[in-house]
């Protein structure tokens, strides 16, 4: 029997993996559960993704786009007179509340990098993507601090089940930005995303 042409199968497998993790967590992910979810033969998952780590990398890369896209699409951040603290606080609040399940899934995939080194470069892409967007507005050190703060606030909200506090976020972001405008010794080098502590898992 001729193999059915199915150019969208790889994407369906990734989408299925995201749904499986969202429903059952990383522990529930296997080639078999993903094949069943995607309604494809088991061999299809191993054909496109030789290991679960490869599948998780693809899923994390797709999930990572959420917050970075929200920042990238902000017209306000491109304006010279933009209140950066206010806009970042607004974007973060909208992202956290628009699809809480999706945000939780993104963080679950991100935190999986603690035990799966193959995921670490992809986990760092979230931070690097936002840093590149902010690079035209603030220096690299300040951008790293802003991203680290937002990452920590989001994680606290998710872990505690608490409500996002836009006023607090705005104030803390404003303090970092105010500090960045004060004279200070120039560091010998800008911190990497790992040094900044933003979405950079450690062993």
N, C-alpha and C. Protein backbone atom coordinates (compact mmCIF):
# COMPACT_ATOMS: atom_id res chain seq x y z
N UNK A 1 0.86 -1.20 0.00
CA UNK A 1 0.00 0.00 0.00
C UNK A 1 0.89 1.25 0.00
N UNK A 2 0.58 2.21 -0.85
CA UNK A 2 1.37 3.44 -0.92
C UNK A 2 1.17 4.26 0.34
N UNK A 3 2.25 4.88 0.79
CA UNK A 3 2.16 5.74 1.97
C UNK A 3 1.37 7.00 1.63
N UNK A 4 0.45 7.35 2.50
CA UNK A 4 -0.38 8.54 2.26
C UNK A 4 0.47 9.80 2.44
N UNK A 5 0.36 10.70 1.48
CA UNK A 5 1.10 11.97 1.58
C UNK A 5 0.45 12.84 2.64
N UNK A 6 1.23 13.22 3.63
CA UNK A 6 0.68 13.97 4.76
C UNK A 6 1.70 15.01 5.21
N UNK A 7 1.80 16.13 4.49
CA UNK A 7 2.84 17.13 4.79
C UNK A 7 2.66 17.81 6.14
N UNK A 8 1.48 17.75 6.71
CA UNK A 8 1.23 18.42 7.98
C UNK A 8 1.43 17.51 9.18
N UNK A 9 1.87 16.28 8.94
CA UNK A 9 1.93 15.31 10.03
C UNK A 9 2.90 15.73 11.13
N UNK A 10 4.06 16.24 10.76
CA UNK A 10 5.04 16.64 11.78
C UNK A 10 4.45 17.71 12.70
N UNK A 11 3.76 18.69 12.10
CA UNK A 11 3.16 19.75 12.92
C UNK A 11 2.05 19.20 13.81
N UNK A 12 1.28 18.26 13.30
CA UNK A 12 0.22 17.66 14.11
C UNK A 12 0.80 16.90 15.30
N UNK A 13 1.95 16.29 15.09
CA UNK A 13 2.61 15.57 16.19
C UNK A 13 3.07 16.55 17.26
N UNK A 14 3.63 17.68 16.84
CA UNK A 14 4.05 18.69 17.82
C UNK A 14 2.84 19.22 18.59
N UNK A 15 1.77 19.55 17.87
CA UNK A 15 0.55 20.04 18.52
C UNK A 15 0.01 19.01 19.50
N UNK A 16 0.07 17.74 19.11
CA UNK A 16 -0.42 16.67 19.99
C UNK A 16 0.44 16.56 21.23
N UNK A 17 1.75 16.70 21.08
CA UNK A 17 2.65 16.64 22.23
C UNK A 17 2.33 17.75 23.22
N UNK A 18 2.06 18.94 22.71
CA UNK A 18 1.70 20.07 23.59
C UNK A 18 0.41 19.77 24.34
N UNK A 19 -0.56 19.18 23.65
CA UNK A 19 -1.82 18.85 24.33
C UNK A 19 -1.61 17.77 25.39
N UNK A 20 -0.78 16.77 25.09
CA UNK A 20 -0.51 15.71 26.06
C UNK A 20 0.15 16.28 27.31
N UNK A 21 1.15 17.13 27.13
CA UNK A 21 1.83 17.74 28.28
C UNK A 21 0.85 18.62 29.05
N UNK A 22 0.02 19.36 28.34
CA UNK A 22 -0.95 20.21 29.01
C UNK A 22 -1.94 19.42 29.84
N UNK A 23 -2.26 18.23 29.40
CA UNK A 23 -3.24 17.40 30.10
C UNK A 23 -2.61 16.50 31.16
N UNK A 24 -1.45 15.93 30.86
CA UNK A 24 -0.88 14.90 31.74
C UNK A 24 0.51 15.23 32.26
N UNK A 25 1.07 16.39 31.87
CA UNK A 25 2.40 16.75 32.31
C UNK A 25 3.47 16.03 31.51
N UNK A 26 4.73 16.39 31.77
CA UNK A 26 5.86 15.78 31.07
C UNK A 26 5.87 14.27 31.29
N UNK A 27 5.48 13.84 32.50
CA UNK A 27 5.51 12.41 32.81
C UNK A 27 4.58 11.61 31.90
N UNK A 28 3.56 12.24 31.36
CA UNK A 28 2.61 11.53 30.51
C UNK A 28 2.99 11.50 29.04
N UNK A 29 4.14 12.10 28.72
CA UNK A 29 4.55 12.19 27.33
C UNK A 29 5.34 10.95 26.91
N UNK A 30 4.93 10.34 25.85
CA UNK A 30 5.65 9.22 25.24
C UNK A 30 5.32 9.21 23.77
N UNK A 31 6.11 8.50 22.99
CA UNK A 31 5.79 8.39 21.57
C UNK A 31 4.40 7.78 21.38
N UNK A 32 4.07 6.85 22.24
CA UNK A 32 2.78 6.17 22.10
C UNK A 32 1.61 7.11 22.40
N UNK A 33 1.73 7.90 23.50
CA UNK A 33 0.62 8.79 23.85
C UNK A 33 0.46 9.90 22.81
N UNK A 34 1.58 10.36 22.28
CA UNK A 34 1.52 11.41 21.26
C UNK A 34 0.93 10.87 19.96
N UNK A 35 1.33 9.64 19.58
CA UNK A 35 0.78 9.04 18.36
C UNK A 35 -0.73 8.88 18.47
N UNK A 36 -1.18 8.45 19.65
CA UNK A 36 -2.62 8.29 19.84
C UNK A 36 -3.34 9.63 19.78
N UNK A 37 -2.74 10.64 20.39
CA UNK A 37 -3.35 11.97 20.41
C UNK A 37 -3.41 12.57 19.00
N UNK A 38 -2.36 12.34 18.22
CA UNK A 38 -2.30 12.90 16.87
C UNK A 38 -3.02 12.03 15.85
N UNK A 39 -3.43 10.84 16.28
CA UNK A 39 -4.09 9.88 15.40
C UNK A 39 -3.20 9.53 14.20
N UNK A 40 -1.94 9.17 14.53
CA UNK A 40 -0.99 8.75 13.51
C UNK A 40 -0.35 7.43 13.96
N UNK A 41 0.23 6.66 13.07
CA UNK A 41 0.92 5.44 13.47
C UNK A 41 2.08 5.75 14.41
N UNK A 42 2.37 4.83 15.31
CA UNK A 42 3.46 5.04 16.26
C UNK A 42 4.77 5.32 15.54
N UNK A 43 5.00 4.64 14.42
CA UNK A 43 6.25 4.85 13.68
C UNK A 43 6.42 6.26 13.16
N UNK A 44 5.31 6.98 12.99
CA UNK A 44 5.40 8.35 12.49
C UNK A 44 6.09 9.27 13.49
N UNK A 45 5.82 9.06 14.77
CA UNK A 45 6.42 9.93 15.78
C UNK A 45 7.92 9.70 15.87
N UNK A 46 8.34 8.44 15.78
CA UNK A 46 9.78 8.16 15.85
C UNK A 46 10.48 8.52 14.54
N UNK A 47 9.73 8.54 13.45
CA UNK A 47 10.32 8.97 12.17
C UNK A 47 10.66 10.46 12.20
N UNK A 48 9.74 11.24 12.71
CA UNK A 48 9.96 12.70 12.75
C UNK A 48 10.80 13.13 13.95
N UNK A 49 10.71 12.39 15.06
CA UNK A 49 11.42 12.74 16.28
C UNK A 49 12.03 11.47 16.87
N UNK A 50 13.34 11.33 16.71
CA UNK A 50 14.00 10.10 17.14
C UNK A 50 13.95 9.90 18.64
N UNK A 51 13.86 10.99 19.40
CA UNK A 51 13.80 10.89 20.86
C UNK A 51 12.73 11.83 21.39
N UNK A 52 12.33 11.60 22.63
CA UNK A 52 11.36 12.50 23.26
C UNK A 52 11.97 13.89 23.46
N UNK A 53 13.28 13.96 23.68
CA UNK A 53 13.92 15.27 23.83
C UNK A 53 13.76 16.09 22.55
N UNK A 54 13.90 15.44 21.39
CA UNK A 54 13.72 16.16 20.12
C UNK A 54 12.29 16.69 20.00
N UNK A 55 11.34 15.89 20.43
CA UNK A 55 9.95 16.31 20.38
C UNK A 55 9.69 17.45 21.36
N UNK A 56 10.28 17.36 22.55
CA UNK A 56 10.12 18.42 23.54
C UNK A 56 10.76 19.72 23.08
N UNK A 57 11.89 19.64 22.39
CA UNK A 57 12.53 20.83 21.86
C UNK A 57 11.58 21.54 20.89
N UNK A 58 10.96 20.77 20.00
CA UNK A 58 10.03 21.36 19.03
C UNK A 58 8.82 21.96 19.73
N UNK A 59 8.31 21.26 20.76
CA UNK A 59 7.14 21.76 21.49
C UNK A 59 7.49 23.03 22.25
N UNK A 60 8.65 23.06 22.91
CA UNK A 60 9.05 24.23 23.68
C UNK A 60 9.30 25.42 22.76
N UNK A 61 9.92 25.16 21.62
CA UNK A 61 10.17 26.27 20.69
C UNK A 61 8.86 26.88 20.20
N UNK A 62 7.86 26.07 19.98
CA UNK A 62 6.56 26.57 19.55
C UNK A 62 5.87 27.32 20.70
N UNK A 63 5.92 26.77 21.90
CA UNK A 63 5.28 27.41 23.05
C UNK A 63 5.97 28.71 23.43
N UNK A 64 7.27 28.79 23.19
CA UNK A 64 8.06 29.95 23.59
C UNK A 64 7.62 31.25 22.91
N UNK A 65 6.93 31.14 21.81
CA UNK A 65 6.62 32.31 21.01
C UNK A 65 5.61 33.25 21.69
N UNK A 66 4.89 32.76 22.68
CA UNK A 66 3.79 33.54 23.26
C UNK A 66 4.19 34.92 23.72
N UNK A 67 5.04 35.02 24.75
CA UNK A 67 5.37 36.31 25.33
C UNK A 67 6.22 37.15 24.39
N UNK A 68 7.19 36.51 23.73
CA UNK A 68 8.05 37.26 22.81
C UNK A 68 7.23 37.91 21.70
N UNK A 69 6.23 37.19 21.21
CA UNK A 69 5.37 37.75 20.16
C UNK A 69 4.59 38.95 20.68
N UNK A 70 4.11 38.86 21.92
CA UNK A 70 3.36 39.96 22.51
C UNK A 70 4.23 41.21 22.62
N UNK A 71 5.48 41.03 23.02
CA UNK A 71 6.40 42.16 23.13
C UNK A 71 6.74 42.70 21.74
N UNK A 72 6.98 41.79 20.81
CA UNK A 72 7.36 42.18 19.45
C UNK A 72 6.24 42.98 18.77
N UNK A 73 5.01 42.63 19.07
CA UNK A 73 3.87 43.26 18.39
C UNK A 73 3.43 44.56 19.04
N UNK A 74 4.10 44.97 20.10
CA UNK A 74 3.73 46.20 20.78
C UNK A 74 4.19 47.42 19.98
N UNK A 75 3.25 48.18 19.50
CA UNK A 75 3.59 49.41 18.78
C UNK A 75 4.14 50.46 19.74
N UNK A 76 3.65 50.42 20.97
CA UNK A 76 4.04 51.44 21.95
C UNK A 76 5.54 51.38 22.25
N UNK A 77 6.09 50.18 22.35
CA UNK A 77 7.51 50.05 22.68
C UNK A 77 8.42 50.66 21.62
N UNK A 78 7.92 50.79 20.41
CA UNK A 78 8.72 51.36 19.33
C UNK A 78 8.76 52.88 19.39
N UNK A 79 7.87 53.50 20.19
CA UNK A 79 7.82 54.96 20.24
C UNK A 79 8.84 55.50 21.24
N UNK A 80 9.54 56.57 20.90
CA UNK A 80 10.57 57.13 21.78
C UNK A 80 10.01 57.58 23.13
N UNK A 81 8.75 58.01 23.16
CA UNK A 81 8.17 58.52 24.40
C UNK A 81 7.46 57.43 25.21
N UNK A 82 7.65 56.19 24.85
CA UNK A 82 6.95 55.10 25.53
C UNK A 82 7.39 54.97 26.98
N UNK A 83 6.43 54.76 27.86
CA UNK A 83 6.71 54.41 29.26
C UNK A 83 6.97 52.90 29.26
N UNK A 84 8.23 52.52 29.24
CA UNK A 84 8.59 51.12 29.08
C UNK A 84 8.06 50.27 30.22
N UNK A 85 8.17 50.76 31.44
CA UNK A 85 7.69 50.00 32.60
C UNK A 85 6.19 49.74 32.49
N UNK A 86 5.45 50.77 32.13
CA UNK A 86 4.00 50.64 32.02
C UNK A 86 3.61 49.66 30.92
N UNK A 87 4.29 49.75 29.77
CA UNK A 87 3.94 48.90 28.64
C UNK A 87 4.30 47.43 28.91
N UNK A 88 5.47 47.19 29.50
CA UNK A 88 5.85 45.82 29.82
C UNK A 88 4.93 45.21 30.87
N UNK A 89 4.52 46.02 31.84
CA UNK A 89 3.59 45.53 32.86
C UNK A 89 2.25 45.18 32.23
N UNK A 90 1.81 46.01 31.29
CA UNK A 90 0.54 45.76 30.61
C UNK A 90 0.61 44.49 29.76
N UNK A 91 1.68 44.35 28.99
CA UNK A 91 1.85 43.17 28.14
C UNK A 91 1.87 41.90 28.97
N UNK A 92 2.61 41.94 30.08
CA UNK A 92 2.72 40.77 30.94
C UNK A 92 1.37 40.37 31.51
N UNK A 93 0.62 41.35 31.95
CA UNK A 93 -0.70 41.07 32.50
C UNK A 93 -1.64 40.48 31.47
N UNK A 94 -1.61 41.02 30.28
CA UNK A 94 -2.48 40.50 29.21
C UNK A 94 -2.09 39.07 28.85
N UNK A 95 -0.79 38.81 28.79
CA UNK A 95 -0.30 37.47 28.45
C UNK A 95 -0.68 36.44 29.52
N UNK A 96 -0.53 36.83 30.79
CA UNK A 96 -0.84 35.90 31.88
C UNK A 96 -2.33 35.58 31.97
N UNK A 97 -3.17 36.53 31.67
CA UNK A 97 -4.60 36.34 31.87
C UNK A 97 -5.34 35.86 30.62
N UNK A 98 -4.75 36.06 29.44
CA UNK A 98 -5.46 35.68 28.23
C UNK A 98 -5.60 34.18 28.10
N UNK A 99 -4.55 33.44 28.46
CA UNK A 99 -4.58 31.99 28.33
C UNK A 99 -3.72 31.39 29.43
N UNK A 100 -4.27 31.32 30.63
CA UNK A 100 -3.50 30.85 31.78
C UNK A 100 -3.00 29.42 31.56
N UNK A 101 -3.83 28.58 30.97
CA UNK A 101 -3.42 27.19 30.71
C UNK A 101 -2.22 27.15 29.78
N UNK A 102 -2.23 27.98 28.76
CA UNK A 102 -1.12 28.02 27.83
C UNK A 102 0.16 28.50 28.48
N UNK A 103 0.05 29.47 29.37
CA UNK A 103 1.22 29.98 30.09
C UNK A 103 1.78 28.90 31.01
N UNK A 104 0.90 28.19 31.71
CA UNK A 104 1.35 27.11 32.59
C UNK A 104 2.07 26.03 31.79
N UNK A 105 1.55 25.72 30.63
CA UNK A 105 2.17 24.72 29.77
C UNK A 105 3.55 25.19 29.34
N UNK A 106 3.66 26.45 28.95
CA UNK A 106 4.94 26.99 28.52
C UNK A 106 5.98 26.87 29.63
N UNK A 107 5.59 27.20 30.85
CA UNK A 107 6.52 27.11 31.97
C UNK A 107 6.85 25.67 32.33
N UNK A 108 5.90 24.76 32.17
CA UNK A 108 6.20 23.36 32.45
C UNK A 108 7.25 22.84 31.47
N UNK A 109 7.10 23.18 30.20
CA UNK A 109 8.10 22.78 29.22
C UNK A 109 9.44 23.45 29.51
N UNK A 110 9.40 24.70 29.89
CA UNK A 110 10.62 25.45 30.20
C UNK A 110 11.36 24.84 31.38
N UNK A 111 10.63 24.51 32.45
CA UNK A 111 11.25 23.95 33.64
C UNK A 111 11.74 22.52 33.43
N UNK A 112 11.23 21.87 32.41
CA UNK A 112 11.72 20.52 32.10
C UNK A 112 13.20 20.56 31.74
N UNK A 113 13.69 21.73 31.34
CA UNK A 113 15.11 21.86 30.97
C UNK A 113 16.02 21.68 32.17
N UNK A 114 15.49 21.75 33.39
CA UNK A 114 16.30 21.49 34.57
C UNK A 114 16.89 20.09 34.53
N UNK A 115 16.12 19.13 34.02
CA UNK A 115 16.55 17.74 33.99
C UNK A 115 16.90 17.25 32.60
N UNK A 116 16.64 18.07 31.60
CA UNK A 116 16.89 17.66 30.21
C UNK A 116 17.79 18.71 29.56
N UNK A 117 19.10 18.49 29.59
CA UNK A 117 20.04 19.48 29.04
C UNK A 117 19.76 19.85 27.59
N UNK A 118 19.18 18.94 26.81
CA UNK A 118 18.91 19.24 25.40
C UNK A 118 17.94 20.40 25.25
N UNK A 119 17.13 20.66 26.28
CA UNK A 119 16.14 21.73 26.20
C UNK A 119 16.72 23.09 26.58
N UNK A 120 17.87 23.12 27.21
CA UNK A 120 18.37 24.38 27.77
C UNK A 120 18.61 25.47 26.73
N UNK A 121 19.21 25.16 25.59
CA UNK A 121 19.37 26.23 24.59
C UNK A 121 18.03 26.80 24.12
N UNK A 122 17.02 25.94 24.01
CA UNK A 122 15.71 26.41 23.56
C UNK A 122 15.05 27.23 24.66
N UNK A 123 15.21 26.81 25.91
CA UNK A 123 14.65 27.58 27.02
C UNK A 123 15.23 28.98 27.06
N UNK A 124 16.52 29.11 26.72
CA UNK A 124 17.17 30.42 26.73
C UNK A 124 16.70 31.31 25.58
N UNK A 125 16.11 30.71 24.55
CA UNK A 125 15.66 31.50 23.40
C UNK A 125 14.59 32.51 23.79
N UNK A 126 13.76 32.15 24.78
CA UNK A 126 12.71 33.08 25.23
C UNK A 126 13.35 34.38 25.70
N UNK A 127 14.32 34.23 26.58
CA UNK A 127 15.01 35.41 27.11
C UNK A 127 15.71 36.18 26.01
N UNK A 128 16.45 35.46 25.17
CA UNK A 128 17.22 36.11 24.12
C UNK A 128 16.31 36.86 23.14
N UNK A 129 15.15 36.27 22.85
CA UNK A 129 14.24 36.92 21.93
C UNK A 129 13.73 38.25 22.48
N UNK A 130 13.36 38.26 23.76
CA UNK A 130 12.87 39.50 24.37
C UNK A 130 14.01 40.51 24.51
N UNK A 131 15.20 40.03 24.84
CA UNK A 131 16.35 40.94 24.94
C UNK A 131 16.61 41.67 23.63
N UNK A 132 16.51 40.95 22.53
CA UNK A 132 16.75 41.59 21.23
C UNK A 132 15.72 42.68 20.95
N UNK A 133 14.50 42.44 21.39
CA UNK A 133 13.44 43.43 21.16
C UNK A 133 13.71 44.69 21.99
N UNK A 134 14.18 44.50 23.22
CA UNK A 134 14.41 45.64 24.11
C UNK A 134 15.75 46.34 23.85
N UNK A 135 16.60 45.74 23.04
CA UNK A 135 17.96 46.25 22.85
C UNK A 135 17.99 47.67 22.28
N UNK A 136 16.97 48.04 21.53
CA UNK A 136 16.94 49.39 20.96
C UNK A 136 16.51 50.45 21.97
N UNK A 137 15.99 50.01 23.11
CA UNK A 137 15.46 50.96 24.08
C UNK A 137 16.33 51.11 25.32
N UNK A 138 16.95 50.02 25.74
CA UNK A 138 17.77 50.04 26.96
C UNK A 138 19.06 49.27 26.70
N UNK A 139 20.02 49.43 27.59
CA UNK A 139 21.27 48.69 27.45
C UNK A 139 21.06 47.22 27.80
N UNK A 140 22.01 46.40 27.43
CA UNK A 140 21.87 44.96 27.59
C UNK A 140 21.73 44.54 29.04
N UNK A 141 22.50 45.15 29.92
CA UNK A 141 22.43 44.80 31.35
C UNK A 141 21.04 45.09 31.90
N UNK A 142 20.50 46.25 31.56
CA UNK A 142 19.16 46.61 32.03
C UNK A 142 18.11 45.69 31.43
N UNK A 143 18.24 45.37 30.15
CA UNK A 143 17.29 44.47 29.51
C UNK A 143 17.29 43.11 30.21
N UNK A 144 18.47 42.59 30.56
CA UNK A 144 18.55 41.32 31.28
C UNK A 144 17.83 41.39 32.63
N UNK A 145 18.00 42.51 33.32
CA UNK A 145 17.35 42.68 34.63
C UNK A 145 15.84 42.75 34.48
N UNK A 146 15.36 43.44 33.45
CA UNK A 146 13.92 43.54 33.21
C UNK A 146 13.32 42.17 32.93
N UNK A 147 13.98 41.40 32.07
CA UNK A 147 13.47 40.08 31.71
C UNK A 147 13.49 39.14 32.91
N UNK A 148 14.57 39.21 33.70
CA UNK A 148 14.65 38.37 34.89
C UNK A 148 13.52 38.68 35.87
N UNK A 149 13.23 39.97 36.05
CA UNK A 149 12.15 40.37 36.96
C UNK A 149 10.80 39.85 36.45
N UNK A 150 10.52 40.04 35.17
CA UNK A 150 9.25 39.59 34.61
C UNK A 150 9.12 38.07 34.72
N UNK A 151 10.21 37.37 34.46
CA UNK A 151 10.19 35.91 34.55
C UNK A 151 9.87 35.48 35.98
N UNK A 152 10.52 36.11 36.95
CA UNK A 152 10.28 35.76 38.35
C UNK A 152 8.85 36.07 38.78
N UNK A 153 8.33 37.20 38.37
CA UNK A 153 6.96 37.57 38.74
C UNK A 153 5.97 36.58 38.15
N UNK A 154 6.15 36.23 36.88
CA UNK A 154 5.24 35.27 36.24
C UNK A 154 5.29 33.92 36.95
N UNK A 155 6.48 33.47 37.28
CA UNK A 155 6.63 32.18 37.94
C UNK A 155 5.96 32.19 39.31
N UNK A 156 6.12 33.27 40.05
CA UNK A 156 5.47 33.38 41.37
C UNK A 156 3.95 33.35 41.24
N UNK A 157 3.43 34.05 40.28
CA UNK A 157 1.97 34.05 40.07
C UNK A 157 1.47 32.64 39.77
N UNK A 158 2.20 31.93 38.92
CA UNK A 158 1.77 30.59 38.54
C UNK A 158 1.89 29.60 39.69
N UNK A 159 2.96 29.71 40.47
CA UNK A 159 3.18 28.76 41.56
C UNK A 159 2.25 28.99 42.74
N UNK A 160 1.92 30.23 43.01
CA UNK A 160 1.08 30.54 44.16
C UNK A 160 -0.40 30.59 43.82
N UNK A 161 -0.71 30.65 42.52
CA UNK A 161 -2.11 30.79 42.13
C UNK A 161 -2.65 32.17 42.43
N UNK A 162 -1.75 33.11 42.69
CA UNK A 162 -2.19 34.46 43.02
C UNK A 162 -2.56 35.28 41.80
N UNK A 163 -3.02 36.48 42.07
CA UNK A 163 -3.39 37.39 40.99
C UNK A 163 -2.17 38.22 40.57
N UNK A 164 -2.10 38.50 39.31
CA UNK A 164 -1.03 39.35 38.80
C UNK A 164 -1.28 40.79 39.26
N UNK A 165 -0.25 41.43 39.79
CA UNK A 165 -0.34 42.80 40.30
C UNK A 165 0.40 43.73 39.34
N UNK A 166 -0.35 44.37 38.49
CA UNK A 166 0.26 45.23 37.47
C UNK A 166 0.96 46.43 38.10
N UNK A 167 0.38 46.99 39.16
CA UNK A 167 0.99 48.16 39.79
C UNK A 167 2.35 47.82 40.39
N UNK A 168 2.43 46.67 41.06
CA UNK A 168 3.70 46.23 41.63
C UNK A 168 4.73 46.00 40.53
N UNK A 169 4.31 45.32 39.47
CA UNK A 169 5.23 45.03 38.36
C UNK A 169 5.73 46.32 37.74
N UNK A 170 4.83 47.27 37.55
CA UNK A 170 5.21 48.55 36.95
C UNK A 170 6.22 49.28 37.83
N UNK A 171 5.98 49.26 39.13
CA UNK A 171 6.89 49.95 40.05
C UNK A 171 8.28 49.32 40.04
N UNK A 172 8.34 47.98 40.10
CA UNK A 172 9.63 47.30 40.14
C UNK A 172 10.40 47.50 38.83
N UNK A 173 9.69 47.43 37.71
CA UNK A 173 10.33 47.69 36.42
C UNK A 173 10.85 49.12 36.38
N UNK A 174 10.06 50.04 36.90
CA UNK A 174 10.47 51.44 36.93
C UNK A 174 11.72 51.66 37.76
N UNK A 175 11.85 50.92 38.86
CA UNK A 175 13.05 51.06 39.69
C UNK A 175 14.30 50.60 38.94
N UNK A 176 14.16 49.52 38.21
CA UNK A 176 15.30 49.03 37.43
C UNK A 176 15.68 50.05 36.36
N UNK A 177 14.68 50.59 35.68
CA UNK A 177 14.94 51.56 34.63
C UNK A 177 15.54 52.85 35.19
N UNK A 178 15.06 53.27 36.36
CA UNK A 178 15.60 54.47 36.98
C UNK A 178 17.05 54.26 37.38
N UNK A 179 17.34 53.09 37.90
CA UNK A 179 18.71 52.77 38.29
C UNK A 179 19.63 52.75 37.08
N UNK A 180 19.11 52.30 35.96
CA UNK A 180 19.95 52.19 34.76
C UNK A 180 20.35 53.56 34.24
N UNK A 181 19.55 54.59 34.57
CA UNK A 181 19.86 55.93 34.08
C UNK A 181 20.83 56.66 34.99
N UNK A 182 21.11 56.08 36.18
CA UNK A 182 22.04 56.71 37.11
C UNK A 182 23.47 56.33 36.73
N UNK A 183 24.43 57.23 36.95
CA UNK A 183 25.82 56.91 36.62
C UNK A 183 26.30 55.71 37.43
N UNK A 184 27.00 54.81 36.78
CA UNK A 184 27.53 53.64 37.47
C UNK A 184 28.72 53.11 36.69
N UNK A 185 29.59 52.36 37.37
CA UNK A 185 30.75 51.81 36.66
C UNK A 185 30.30 50.90 35.53
N UNK A 186 31.00 50.95 34.43
CA UNK A 186 30.66 50.09 33.30
C UNK A 186 31.16 48.69 33.56
N UNK A 187 30.27 47.66 33.49
CA UNK A 187 30.72 46.30 33.74
C UNK A 187 31.67 45.83 32.66
N UNK A 188 32.54 44.89 33.02
CA UNK A 188 33.53 44.39 32.07
C UNK A 188 32.87 43.66 30.91
N UNK A 189 31.70 43.08 31.18
CA UNK A 189 30.96 42.42 30.11
C UNK A 189 29.50 42.34 30.50
N UNK A 190 28.64 42.30 29.51
CA UNK A 190 27.21 42.19 29.77
C UNK A 190 26.89 40.77 30.16
N UNK A 191 25.98 40.58 31.10
CA UNK A 191 25.64 39.22 31.50
C UNK A 191 24.90 38.48 30.41
N UNK A 192 25.15 37.20 30.33
CA UNK A 192 24.38 36.37 29.42
C UNK A 192 23.02 36.15 30.01
N UNK A 193 22.12 35.50 29.24
CA UNK A 193 20.80 35.20 29.79
C UNK A 193 20.91 34.31 30.99
N UNK A 194 21.91 33.43 31.02
CA UNK A 194 22.08 32.54 32.18
C UNK A 194 22.49 33.34 33.40
N UNK A 195 23.45 34.27 33.21
CA UNK A 195 23.89 35.06 34.35
C UNK A 195 22.80 35.95 34.86
N UNK A 196 21.94 36.41 33.97
CA UNK A 196 20.84 37.28 34.38
C UNK A 196 19.78 36.53 35.15
N UNK A 197 19.78 35.23 35.05
CA UNK A 197 18.81 34.45 35.79
C UNK A 197 17.45 34.37 35.12
N UNK A 198 17.35 34.82 33.90
CA UNK A 198 16.07 34.83 33.21
C UNK A 198 15.92 33.60 32.35
N UNK A 199 15.01 32.72 32.72
CA UNK A 199 14.73 31.53 31.95
C UNK A 199 16.00 30.79 31.56
N UNK A 200 16.91 30.66 32.48
CA UNK A 200 18.13 29.91 32.21
C UNK A 200 18.28 28.84 33.27
N UNK A 201 17.80 27.62 33.02
CA UNK A 201 17.84 26.57 34.02
C UNK A 201 19.26 26.19 34.40
N UNK A 202 19.43 25.81 35.65
CA UNK A 202 20.72 25.33 36.13
C UNK A 202 20.55 23.93 36.64
N UNK A 203 21.66 23.20 36.72
CA UNK A 203 21.61 21.82 37.13
C UNK A 203 21.44 21.71 38.64
